[in-house]
PDB file of N, CA and C in Angstrom:
ATOM      1  N   MET A   1      20.507  29.058 -11.409  1.00  0.00           N
ATOM      2  CA  MET A   1      19.390  29.959 -11.263  1.00  0.00           C
ATOM      3  C   MET A   1      18.903  29.893  -9.820  1.00  0.00           C
ATOM      4  N   ALA A   2      18.857  31.008  -9.159  1.00  0.00           N
ATOM      5  CA  ALA A   2      18.410  31.057  -7.772  1.00  0.00           C
ATOM      6  C   ALA A   2      16.888  31.039  -7.725  1.00  0.00           C
ATOM      7  N   THR A   3      16.389  30.367  -6.717  1.00  0.00           N
ATOM      8  CA  THR A   3      14.949  30.326  -6.513  1.00  0.00           C
ATOM      9  C   THR A   3      14.577  31.418  -5.536  1.00  0.00           C
ATOM     10  N   THR A   4      13.628  32.233  -5.911  1.00  0.00           N
ATOM     11  CA  THR A   4      13.155  33.257  -4.989  1.00  0.00           C
ATOM     12  C   THR A   4      11.916  32.734  -4.288  1.00  0.00           C
ATOM     13  N   THR A   5      11.719  33.222  -3.098  1.00  0.00           N
ATOM     14  CA  THR A   5      10.556  32.801  -2.337  1.00  0.00           C
ATOM     15  C   THR A   5       9.683  34.008  -2.072  1.00  0.00           C
ATOM     16  N   THR A   6       8.406  33.834  -2.289  1.00  0.00           N
ATOM     17  CA  THR A   6       7.448  34.896  -2.009  1.00  0.00           C
ATOM     18  C   THR A   6       6.690  34.521  -0.745  1.00  0.00           C
ATOM     19  N   ALA A   7       5.760  35.356  -0.359  1.00  0.00           N
ATOM     20  CA  ALA A   7       4.953  35.069   0.832  1.00  0.00           C
ATOM     21  C   ALA A   7       4.178  33.765   0.669  1.00  0.00           C
ATOM     22  N   THR A   8       3.900  33.384  -0.567  1.00  0.00           N
ATOM     23  CA  THR A   8       3.146  32.155  -0.802  1.00  0.00           C
ATOM     24  C   THR A   8       4.041  30.980  -1.151  1.00  0.00           C
ATOM     25  N   GLY A   9       5.347  31.184  -1.286  1.00  0.00           N
ATOM     26  CA  GLY A   9       6.259  30.085  -1.585  1.00  0.00           C
ATOM     27  C   GLY A   9       7.179  30.413  -2.744  1.00  0.00           C
ATOM     28  N   PRO A  10       7.847  29.391  -3.286  1.00  0.00           N
ATOM     29  CA  PRO A  10       8.808  29.619  -4.367  1.00  0.00           C
ATOM     30  C   PRO A  10       8.127  30.106  -5.645  1.00  0.00           C
ATOM     31  N   SER A  11       8.868  30.916  -6.432  1.00  0.00           N
ATOM     32  CA  SER A  11       8.314  31.423  -7.687  1.00  0.00           C
ATOM     33  C   SER A  11       8.907  30.718  -8.904  1.00  0.00           C
ATOM     34  N   ASP A  12       9.928  29.893  -8.711  1.00  0.00           N
ATOM     35  CA  ASP A  12      10.552  29.149  -9.797  1.00  0.00           C
ATOM     36  C   ASP A  12       9.645  27.971 -10.183  1.00  0.00           C
ATOM     37  N   PRO A  13       9.246  27.861 -11.451  1.00  0.00           N
ATOM     38  CA  PRO A  13       8.332  26.784 -11.860  1.00  0.00           C
ATOM     39  C   PRO A  13       8.845  25.379 -11.521  1.00  0.00           C
ATOM     40  N   PHE A  14      10.162  25.169 -11.615  1.00  0.00           N
ATOM     41  CA  PHE A  14      10.713  23.853 -11.273  1.00  0.00           C
ATOM     42  C   PHE A  14      10.565  23.573  -9.779  1.00  0.00           C
ATOM     43  N   ALA A  15      10.863  24.566  -8.949  1.00  0.00           N
ATOM     44  CA  ALA A  15      10.718  24.401  -7.497  1.00  0.00           C
ATOM     45  C   ALA A  15       9.256  24.167  -7.127  1.00  0.00           C
ATOM     46  N   ILE A  16       8.364  24.855  -7.805  1.00  0.00           N
ATOM     47  CA  ILE A  16       6.931  24.663  -7.558  1.00  0.00           C
ATOM     48  C   ILE A  16       6.525  23.239  -7.939  1.00  0.00           C
ATOM     49  N   ALA A  17       6.999  22.765  -9.095  1.00  0.00           N
ATOM     50  CA  ALA A  17       6.672  21.400  -9.531  1.00  0.00           C
ATOM     51  C   ALA A  17       7.229  20.369  -8.550  1.00  0.00           C
ATOM     52  N   ALA A  18       8.455  20.598  -8.063  1.00  0.00           N
ATOM     53  CA  ALA A  18       9.047  19.671  -7.096  1.00  0.00           C
ATOM     54  C   ALA A  18       8.196  19.605  -5.833  1.00  0.00           C
ATOM     55  N   ASP A  19       7.719  20.753  -5.376  1.00  0.00           N
ATOM     56  CA  ASP A  19       6.852  20.782  -4.196  1.00  0.00           C
ATOM     57  C   ASP A  19       5.500  20.131  -4.508  1.00  0.00           C
ATOM     58  N   ASP A  20       4.941  20.445  -5.664  1.00  0.00           N
ATOM     59  CA  ASP A  20       3.647  19.876  -6.049  1.00  0.00           C
ATOM     60  C   ASP A  20       3.708  18.351  -6.144  1.00  0.00           C
ATOM     61  N   SER A  21       4.861  17.814  -6.535  1.00  0.00           N
ATOM     62  CA  SER A  21       4.986  16.358  -6.673  1.00  0.00           C
ATOM     63  C   SER A  21       4.812  15.645  -5.341  1.00  0.00           C
ATOM     64  N   THR A  22       4.968  16.361  -4.253  1.00  0.00           N
ATOM     65  CA  THR A  22       4.818  15.764  -2.922  1.00  0.00           C
ATOM     66  C   THR A  22       3.397  15.896  -2.390  1.00  0.00           C
ATOM     67  N   LYS A  23       2.517  16.496  -3.176  1.00  0.00           N
ATOM     68  CA  LYS A  23       1.144  16.737  -2.723  1.00  0.00           C
ATOM     69  C   LYS A  23       0.109  15.980  -3.554  1.00  0.00           C
ATOM     70  N   LEU A  24       0.543  14.881  -4.143  1.00  0.00           N
ATOM     71  CA  LEU A  24      -0.385  14.032  -4.884  1.00  0.00           C
ATOM     72  C   LEU A  24      -1.132  13.167  -3.879  1.00  0.00           C
ATOM     73  N   THR A  25      -2.394  12.908  -4.136  1.00  0.00           N
ATOM     74  CA  THR A  25      -3.164  12.104  -3.186  1.00  0.00           C
ATOM     75  C   THR A  25      -3.055  10.609  -3.476  1.00  0.00           C
ATOM     76  N   GLU A  26      -2.544  10.260  -4.658  1.00  0.00           N
ATOM     77  CA  GLU A  26      -2.295   8.867  -5.015  1.00  0.00           C
ATOM     78  C   GLU A  26      -0.854   8.764  -5.482  1.00  0.00           C
ATOM     79  N   LYS A  27      -0.250   7.597  -5.311  1.00  0.00           N
ATOM     80  CA  LYS A  27       1.160   7.412  -5.654  1.00  0.00           C
ATOM     81  C   LYS A  27       1.320   6.908  -7.088  1.00  0.00           C
ATOM     82  N   PRO A  28       2.178   7.571  -7.871  1.00  0.00           N
ATOM     83  CA  PRO A  28       2.483   7.078  -9.219  1.00  0.00           C
ATOM     84  C   PRO A  28       3.129   5.689  -9.148  1.00  0.00           C
ATOM     85  N   ASN A  29       3.111   4.966 -10.266  1.00  0.00           N
ATOM     86  CA  ASN A  29       3.728   3.637 -10.271  1.00  0.00           C
ATOM     87  C   ASN A  29       5.253   3.752 -10.286  1.00  0.00           C
ATOM     88  N   SER A  30       5.917   2.635 -10.108  1.00  0.00           N
ATOM     89  CA  SER A  30       7.381   2.616  -9.978  1.00  0.00           C
ATOM     90  C   SER A  30       8.093   3.213 -11.189  1.00  0.00           C
ATOM     91  N   ASP A  31       7.650   2.855 -12.388  1.00  0.00           N
ATOM     92  CA  ASP A  31       8.292   3.386 -13.597  1.00  0.00           C
ATOM     93  C   ASP A  31       8.145   4.905 -13.682  1.00  0.00           C
ATOM     94  N   GLU A  32       6.980   5.400 -13.308  1.00  0.00           N
ATOM     95  CA  GLU A  32       6.752   6.847 -13.331  1.00  0.00           C
ATOM     96  C   GLU A  32       7.623   7.549 -12.291  1.00  0.00           C
ATOM     97  N   LEU A  33       7.768   6.936 -11.129  1.00  0.00           N
ATOM     98  CA  LEU A  33       8.622   7.524 -10.093  1.00  0.00           C
ATOM     99  C   LEU A  33      10.083   7.542 -10.526  1.00  0.00           C
ATOM    100  N   LEU A  34      10.518   6.496 -11.216  1.00  0.00           N
ATOM    101  CA  LEU A  34      11.897   6.459 -11.710  1.00  0.00           C
ATOM    102  C   LEU A  34      12.128   7.539 -12.766  1.00  0.00           C
ATOM    103  N   GLU A  35      11.136   7.765 -13.613  1.00  0.00           N
ATOM    104  CA  GLU A  35      11.231   8.834 -14.615  1.00  0.00           C
ATOM    105  C   GLU A  35      11.335  10.192 -13.927  1.00  0.00           C
ATOM    106  N   LEU A  36      10.493  10.404 -12.937  1.00  0.00           N
ATOM    107  CA  LEU A  36      10.510  11.657 -12.179  1.00  0.00           C
ATOM    108  C   LEU A  36      11.860  11.846 -11.495  1.00  0.00           C
ATOM    109  N   TYR A  37      12.364  10.793 -10.875  1.00  0.00           N
ATOM    110  CA  TYR A  37      13.650  10.824 -10.178  1.00  0.00           C
ATOM    111  C   TYR A  37      14.788  11.174 -11.136  1.00  0.00           C
ATOM    112  N   SER A  38      14.837  10.485 -12.269  1.00  0.00           N
ATOM    113  CA  SER A  38      15.944  10.709 -13.203  1.00  0.00           C
ATOM    114  C   SER A  38      15.912  12.127 -13.781  1.00  0.00           C
ATOM    115  N   LEU A  39      14.732  12.624 -14.073  1.00  0.00           N
ATOM    116  CA  LEU A  39      14.623  14.004 -14.568  1.00  0.00           C
ATOM    117  C   LEU A  39      15.061  15.001 -13.501  1.00  0.00           C
ATOM    118  N   TYR A  40      14.667  14.754 -12.256  1.00  0.00           N
ATOM    119  CA  TYR A  40      15.034  15.651 -11.155  1.00  0.00           C
ATOM    120  C   TYR A  40      16.550  15.702 -10.990  1.00  0.00           C
ATOM    121  N   LYS A  41      17.190  14.548 -11.009  1.00  0.00           N
ATOM    122  CA  LYS A  41      18.641  14.490 -10.817  1.00  0.00           C
ATOM    123  C   LYS A  41      19.365  15.301 -11.903  1.00  0.00           C
ATOM    124  N   ILE A  42      18.928  15.158 -13.132  1.00  0.00           N
ATOM    125  CA  ILE A  42      19.567  15.883 -14.232  1.00  0.00           C
ATOM    126  C   ILE A  42      19.221  17.365 -14.170  1.00  0.00           C
ATOM    127  N   ALA A  43      17.973  17.677 -13.889  1.00  0.00           N
ATOM    128  CA  ALA A  43      17.526  19.074 -13.823  1.00  0.00           C
ATOM    129  C   ALA A  43      18.264  19.858 -12.746  1.00  0.00           C
ATOM    130  N   THR A  44      18.622  19.190 -11.659  1.00  0.00           N
ATOM    131  CA  THR A  44      19.324  19.872 -10.568  1.00  0.00           C
ATOM    132  C   THR A  44      20.835  19.860 -10.758  1.00  0.00           C
ATOM    133  N   GLY A  45      21.291  19.327 -11.889  1.00  0.00           N
ATOM    134  CA  GLY A  45      22.706  19.384 -12.224  1.00  0.00           C
ATOM    135  C   GLY A  45      23.580  18.367 -11.514  1.00  0.00           C
ATOM    136  N   GLU A  46      22.982  17.337 -10.952  1.00  0.00           N
ATOM    137  CA  GLU A  46      23.788  16.322 -10.269  1.00  0.00           C
ATOM    138  C   GLU A  46      24.541  15.494 -11.298  1.00  0.00           C
ATOM    139  N   ASP A  47      25.790  15.168 -10.977  1.00  0.00           N
ATOM    140  CA  ASP A  47      26.674  14.427 -11.867  1.00  0.00           C
ATOM    141  C   ASP A  47      26.677  12.961 -11.450  1.00  0.00           C
ATOM    142  N   ILE A  48      26.171  12.102 -12.306  1.00  0.00           N
ATOM    143  CA  ILE A  48      26.080  10.680 -11.973  1.00  0.00           C
ATOM    144  C   ILE A  48      27.455  10.059 -11.750  1.00  0.00           C
ATOM    145  N   THR A  49      28.479  10.602 -12.395  1.00  0.00           N
ATOM    146  CA  THR A  49      29.821  10.041 -12.223  1.00  0.00           C
ATOM    147  C   THR A  49      30.394  10.338 -10.840  1.00  0.00           C
ATOM    148  N   LYS A  50      29.810  11.294 -10.136  1.00  0.00           N
ATOM    149  CA  LYS A  50      30.280  11.640  -8.791  1.00  0.00           C
ATOM    150  C   LYS A  50      29.352  11.115  -7.699  1.00  0.00           C
ATOM    151  N   ALA A  51      28.291  10.439  -8.104  1.00  0.00           N
ATOM    152  CA  ALA A  51      27.347   9.881  -7.130  1.00  0.00           C
ATOM    153  C   ALA A  51      27.975   8.658  -6.466  1.00  0.00           C
ATOM    154  N   PRO A  52      27.695   8.457  -5.183  1.00  0.00           N
ATOM    155  CA  PRO A  52      28.248   7.283  -4.504  1.00  0.00           C
ATOM    156  C   PRO A  52      27.748   5.987  -5.144  1.00  0.00           C
ATOM    157  N   GLU A  53      28.578   4.967  -5.074  1.00  0.00           N
ATOM    158  CA  GLU A  53      28.182   3.660  -5.599  1.00  0.00           C
ATOM    159  C   GLU A  53      27.008   3.121  -4.791  1.00  0.00           C
ATOM    160  N   VAL A  54      26.178   2.348  -5.458  1.00  0.00           N
ATOM    161  CA  VAL A  54      25.010   1.747  -4.813  1.00  0.00           C
ATOM    162  C   VAL A  54      25.428   0.388  -4.253  1.00  0.00           C
ATOM    163  N   GLY A  55      24.952   0.077  -3.058  1.00  0.00           N
ATOM    164  CA  GLY A  55      25.279  -1.201  -2.430  1.00  0.00           C
ATOM    165  C   GLY A  55      24.763  -2.393  -3.224  1.00  0.00           C
ATOM    166  N   MET A  56      25.437  -3.517  -3.072  1.00  0.00           N
ATOM    167  CA  MET A  56      25.112  -4.716  -3.835  1.00  0.00           C
ATOM    168  C   MET A  56      23.671  -5.185  -3.598  1.00  0.00           C
ATOM    169  N   PHE A  57      23.172  -5.021  -2.395  1.00  0.00           N
ATOM    170  CA  PHE A  57      21.833  -5.509  -2.072  1.00  0.00           C
ATOM    171  C   PHE A  57      20.769  -4.411  -2.092  1.00  0.00           C
ATOM    172  N   ASP A  58      21.155  -3.218  -2.527  1.00  0.00           N
ATOM    173  CA  ASP A  58      20.225  -2.084  -2.584  1.00  0.00           C
ATOM    174  C   ASP A  58      19.509  -2.093  -3.935  1.00  0.00           C
ATOM    175  N   LEU A  59      18.486  -2.927  -4.036  1.00  0.00           N
ATOM    176  CA  LEU A  59      17.783  -3.074  -5.316  1.00  0.00           C
ATOM    177  C   LEU A  59      17.072  -1.792  -5.733  1.00  0.00           C
ATOM    178  N   LYS A  60      16.490  -1.093  -4.775  1.00  0.00           N
ATOM    179  CA  LYS A  60      15.819   0.175  -5.082  1.00  0.00           C
ATOM    180  C   LYS A  60      16.841   1.197  -5.586  1.00  0.00           C
ATOM    181  N   GLY A  61      17.965   1.276  -4.908  1.00  0.00           N
ATOM    182  CA  GLY A  61      19.024   2.195  -5.317  1.00  0.00           C
ATOM    183  C   GLY A  61      19.559   1.870  -6.701  1.00  0.00           C
ATOM    184  N   LYS A  62      19.686   0.579  -6.991  1.00  0.00           N
ATOM    185  CA  LYS A  62      20.166   0.162  -8.314  1.00  0.00           C
ATOM    186  C   LYS A  62      19.172   0.559  -9.405  1.00  0.00           C
ATOM    187  N   SER A  63      17.887   0.397  -9.120  1.00  0.00           N
ATOM    188  CA  SER A  63      16.862   0.790 -10.097  1.00  0.00           C
ATOM    189  C   SER A  63      16.912   2.286 -10.366  1.00  0.00           C
ATOM    190  N   LYS A  64      17.069   3.059  -9.307  1.00  0.00           N
ATOM    191  CA  LYS A  64      17.135   4.513  -9.457  1.00  0.00           C
ATOM    192  C   LYS A  64      18.371   4.913 -10.254  1.00  0.00           C
ATOM    193  N   ARG A  65      19.508   4.298  -9.939  1.00  0.00           N
ATOM    194  CA  ARG A  65      20.759   4.603 -10.638  1.00  0.00           C
ATOM    195  C   ARG A  65      20.652   4.232 -12.121  1.00  0.00           C
ATOM    196  N   LYS A  66      20.053   3.076 -12.408  1.00  0.00           N
ATOM    197  CA  LYS A  66      19.890   2.627 -13.794  1.00  0.00           C
ATOM    198  C   LYS A  66      19.002   3.595 -14.581  1.00  0.00           C
ATOM    199  N   ALA A  67      17.907   4.046 -13.962  1.00  0.00           N
ATOM    200  CA  ALA A  67      17.006   5.000 -14.626  1.00  0.00           C
ATOM    201  C   ALA A  67      17.714   6.324 -14.873  1.00  0.00           C
ATOM    202  N   TRP A  68      18.472   6.775 -13.892  1.00  0.00           N
ATOM    203  CA  TRP A  68      19.219   8.022 -14.014  1.00  0.00           C
ATOM    204  C   TRP A  68      20.230   7.906 -15.152  1.00  0.00           C
ATOM    205  N   GLN A  69      21.000   6.806 -15.181  1.00  0.00           N
ATOM    206  CA  GLN A  69      22.002   6.618 -16.227  1.00  0.00           C
ATOM    207  C   GLN A  69      21.346   6.555 -17.600  1.00  0.00           C
ATOM    208  N   ALA A  70      20.221   5.865 -17.702  1.00  0.00           N
ATOM    209  CA  ALA A  70      19.518   5.769 -18.990  1.00  0.00           C
ATOM    210  C   ALA A  70      19.093   7.150 -19.471  1.00  0.00           C
ATOM    211  N   LYS A  71      18.642   7.990 -18.552  1.00  0.00           N
ATOM    212  CA  LYS A  71      18.221   9.345 -18.927  1.00  0.00           C
ATOM    213  C   LYS A  71      19.436  10.176 -19.323  1.00  0.00           C
ATOM    214  N   VAL A  72      20.540  10.041 -18.594  1.00  0.00           N
ATOM    215  CA  VAL A  72      21.784  10.742 -18.950  1.00  0.00           C
ATOM    216  C   VAL A  72      22.210  10.335 -20.360  1.00  0.00           C
ATOM    217  N   ASP A  73      22.111   9.047 -20.656  1.00  0.00           N
ATOM    218  CA  ASP A  73      22.541   8.527 -21.954  1.00  0.00           C
ATOM    219  C   ASP A  73      21.730   9.081 -23.125  1.00  0.00           C
ATOM    220  N   THR A  74      20.547   9.629 -22.857  1.00  0.00           N
ATOM    221  CA  THR A  74      19.756  10.231 -23.936  1.00  0.00           C
ATOM    222  C   THR A  74      20.333  11.582 -24.360  1.00  0.00           C
ATOM    223  N   GLY A  75      21.196  12.153 -23.514  1.00  0.00           N
ATOM    224  CA  GLY A  75      21.786  13.447 -23.826  1.00  0.00           C
ATOM    225  C   GLY A  75      20.921  14.633 -23.439  1.00  0.00           C
ATOM    226  N   ILE A  76      19.899  14.413 -22.649  1.00  0.00           N
ATOM    227  CA  ILE A  76      19.009  15.500 -22.237  1.00  0.00           C
ATOM    228  C   ILE A  76      19.788  16.552 -21.440  1.00  0.00           C
ATOM    229  N   THR A  77      19.499  17.801 -21.701  1.00  0.00           N
ATOM    230  CA  THR A  77      20.154  18.898 -20.986  1.00  0.00           C
ATOM    231  C   THR A  77      19.408  19.173 -19.682  1.00  0.00           C
ATOM    232  N   PRO A  78      20.070  19.823 -18.728  1.00  0.00           N
ATOM    233  CA  PRO A  78      19.362  20.192 -17.494  1.00  0.00           C
ATOM    234  C   PRO A  78      18.122  21.047 -17.763  1.00  0.00           C
ATOM    235  N   GLU A  79      18.205  21.943 -18.731  1.00  0.00           N
ATOM    236  CA  GLU A  79      17.060  22.800 -19.048  1.00  0.00           C
ATOM    237  C   GLU A  79      15.890  21.976 -19.590  1.00  0.00           C
ATOM    238  N   ASP A  80      16.202  21.034 -20.487  1.00  0.00           N
ATOM    239  CA  ASP A  80      15.154  20.169 -21.033  1.00  0.00           C
ATOM    240  C   ASP A  80      14.601  19.233 -19.962  1.00  0.00           C
ATOM    241  N   ALA A  81      15.468  18.787 -19.057  1.00  0.00           N
ATOM    242  CA  ALA A  81      15.014  17.923 -17.960  1.00  0.00           C
ATOM    243  C   ALA A  81      14.062  18.684 -17.043  1.00  0.00           C
ATOM    244  N   LYS A  82      14.355  19.957 -16.794  1.00  0.00           N
ATOM    245  CA  LYS A  82      13.450  20.774 -15.971  1.00  0.00           C
ATOM    246  C   LYS A  82      12.082  20.879 -16.630  1.00  0.00           C
ATOM    247  N   ALA A  83      12.073  21.172 -17.926  1.00  0.00           N
ATOM    248  CA  ALA A  83      10.802  21.307 -18.650  1.00  0.00           C
ATOM    249  C   ALA A  83      10.034  19.984 -18.643  1.00  0.00           C
ATOM    250  N   ALA A  84      10.736  18.881 -18.860  1.00  0.00           N
ATOM    251  CA  ALA A  84      10.085  17.569 -18.861  1.00  0.00           C
ATOM    252  C   ALA A  84       9.568  17.214 -17.471  1.00  0.00           C
ATOM    253  N   TYR A  85      10.322  17.574 -16.443  1.00  0.00           N
ATOM    254  CA  TYR A  85       9.909  17.320 -15.059  1.00  0.00           C
ATOM    255  C   TYR A  85       8.624  18.082 -14.741  1.00  0.00           C
ATOM    256  N   ILE A  86       8.612  19.354 -15.098  1.00  0.00           N
ATOM    257  CA  ILE A  86       7.428  20.189 -14.849  1.00  0.00           C
ATOM    258  C   ILE A  86       6.213  19.606 -15.570  1.00  0.00           C
ATOM    259  N   ALA A  87       6.384  19.221 -16.835  1.00  0.00           N
ATOM    260  CA  ALA A  87       5.278  18.645 -17.612  1.00  0.00           C
ATOM    261  C   ALA A  87       4.798  17.329 -16.993  1.00  0.00           C
ATOM    262  N   LEU A  88       5.733  16.507 -16.528  1.00  0.00           N
ATOM    263  CA  LEU A  88       5.368  15.233 -15.923  1.00  0.00           C
ATOM    264  C   LEU A  88       4.581  15.443 -14.632  1.00  0.00           C
ATOM    265  N   VAL A  89       5.022  16.389 -13.817  1.00  0.00           N
ATOM    266  CA  VAL A  89       4.297  16.685 -12.577  1.00  0.00           C
ATOM    267  C   VAL A  89       2.896  17.202 -12.896  1.00  0.00           C
ATOM    268  N   GLU A  90       2.775  18.053 -13.896  1.00  0.00           N
ATOM    269  CA  GLU A  90       1.446  18.553 -14.278  1.00  0.00           C
ATOM    270  C   GLU A  90       0.538  17.398 -14.702  1.00  0.00           C
ATOM    271  N   ASN A  91       1.101  16.437 -15.431  1.00  0.00           N
ATOM    272  CA  ASN A  91       0.341  15.248 -15.822  1.00  0.00           C
ATOM    273  C   ASN A  91      -0.069  14.443 -14.585  1.00  0.00           C
ATOM    274  N   PHE A  92       0.855  14.274 -13.651  1.00  0.00           N
ATOM    275  CA  PHE A  92       0.566  13.532 -12.419  1.00  0.00           C
ATOM    276  C   PHE A  92      -0.515  14.218 -11.593  1.00  0.00           C
ATOM    277  N   LYS A  93      -0.530  15.543 -11.606  1.00  0.00           N
ATOM    278  CA  LYS A  93      -1.525  16.279 -10.817  1.00  0.00           C
ATOM    279  C   LYS A  93      -2.945  15.957 -11.280  1.00  0.00           C
ATOM    280  N   VAL A  94      -3.104  15.668 -12.552  1.00  0.00           N
ATOM    281  CA  VAL A  94      -4.410  15.277 -13.084  1.00  0.00           C
ATOM    282  C   VAL A  94      -4.638  13.781 -12.844  1.00  0.00           C
ATOM    283  N   LYS A  95      -3.651  12.989 -13.189  1.00  0.00           N
ATOM    284  CA  LYS A  95      -3.775  11.530 -13.124  1.00  0.00           C
ATOM    285  C   LYS A  95      -3.892  11.002 -11.693  1.00  0.00           C
ATOM    286  N   TYR A  96      -3.141  11.608 -10.772  1.00  0.00           N
ATOM    287  CA  TYR A  96      -3.075  11.098  -9.398  1.00  0.00           C
ATOM    288  C   TYR A  96      -3.680  12.044  -8.372  1.00  0.00           C
ATOM    289  N   LYS A  97      -4.426  12.977  -8.820  1.00  0.00           N
ATOM    290  CA  LYS A  97      -5.113  13.937  -7.943  1.00  0.00           C
ATOM    291  C   LYS A  97      -4.108  14.753  -7.136  1.00  0.00           C
ATOM    292  N   TYR A  98      -4.302  16.018  -7.153  1.00  0.00           N
ATOM    293  CA  TYR A  98      -3.423  16.974  -6.487  1.00  0.00           C
ATOM    294  C   TYR A  98      -4.218  17.720  -5.434  1.00  0.00           C
ATOM    295  N   ASP A  99      -3.662  17.798  -4.236  1.00  0.00           N
ATOM    296  CA  ASP A  99      -4.292  18.533  -3.142  1.00  0.00           C
ATOM    297  C   ASP A  99      -3.306  19.588  -2.650  1.00  0.00           C
ATOM    298  N   PRO A 100      -3.513  20.863  -3.025  1.00  0.00           N
ATOM    299  CA  PRO A 100      -2.563  21.909  -2.633  1.00  0.00           C
ATOM    300  C   PRO A 100      -2.464  22.091  -1.122  1.00  0.00           C
ATOM    301  N   ASN A 101      -3.450  21.614  -0.380  1.00  0.00           N
ATOM    302  CA  ASN A 101      -3.439  21.753   1.077  1.00  0.00           C
ATOM    303  C   ASN A 101      -2.817  20.557   1.787  1.00  0.00           C
ATOM    304  N   LYS A 102      -2.438  19.546   1.023  1.00  0.00           N
ATOM    305  CA  LYS A 102      -1.856  18.344   1.615  1.00  0.00           C
ATOM    306  C   LYS A 102      -0.479  18.662   2.182  1.00  0.00           C
ATOM    307  N   VAL A 103      -0.178  18.073   3.318  1.00  0.00           N
ATOM    308  CA  VAL A 103       1.160  18.210   3.889  1.00  0.00           C
ATOM    309  C   VAL A 103       2.102  17.440   2.971  1.00  0.00           C
ATOM    310  N   SER A 104       3.172  18.098   2.553  1.00  0.00           N
ATOM    311  CA  SER A 104       4.111  17.487   1.612  1.00  0.00           C
ATOM    312  C   SER A 104       4.676  16.185   2.153  1.00  0.00           C
ATOM    313  N   GLU A 105       4.812  15.213   1.249  1.00  0.00           N
ATOM    314  CA  GLU A 105       5.497  13.975   1.590  1.00  0.00           C
ATOM    315  C   GLU A 105       6.281  13.541   0.373  1.00  0.00           C
ATOM    316  N   LYS A 106       7.436  12.951   0.606  1.00  0.00           N
ATOM    317  CA  LYS A 106       8.249  12.484  -0.505  1.00  0.00           C
ATOM    318  C   LYS A 106       7.617  11.233  -1.069  1.00  0.00           C
ATOM    319  N   ILE A 107       7.432  11.201  -2.397  1.00  0.00           N
ATOM    320  CA  ILE A 107       6.776  10.055  -3.006  1.00  0.00           C
ATOM    321  C   ILE A 107       7.763   9.080  -3.615  1.00  0.00           C
ATOM    322  N   GLY A 108       8.994   9.497  -3.817  1.00  0.00           N
ATOM    323  CA  GLY A 108       9.956   8.613  -4.463  1.00  0.00           C
ATOM    324  C   GLY A 108      10.865   7.897  -3.496  1.00  0.00           C
ATOM    325  N   GLY A 109      10.951   8.425  -2.275  1.00  0.00           N
ATOM    326  CA  GLY A 109      11.804   7.999  -1.199  1.00  0.00           C
ATOM    327  C   GLY A 109      12.411   6.719  -1.230  1.00  0.00           C
TER     328      GLY A 109
END
């Protein structure tokens, strides 16, 4: 599905949620970020079997890979992952305060 852009930005709800996730004024906890990451990877159609191996000492990378694999193992479809991602971001916007004027920053990095 192609994302269209209007004068005010993307019109695809998933693309909007992805952008909104970078405009939270407080940072979600590690488990919440891993959930967001794993849903994003599946929603965007990335194949975990084709992802590069994580380095032995890359503990953050290993955590992300483990969360992604666990989500893949649930059998969630990309469409369901998109819906869950959007819902999670909407929850975060309330829980962690959302500022639409904030300069975007990656929160999962």
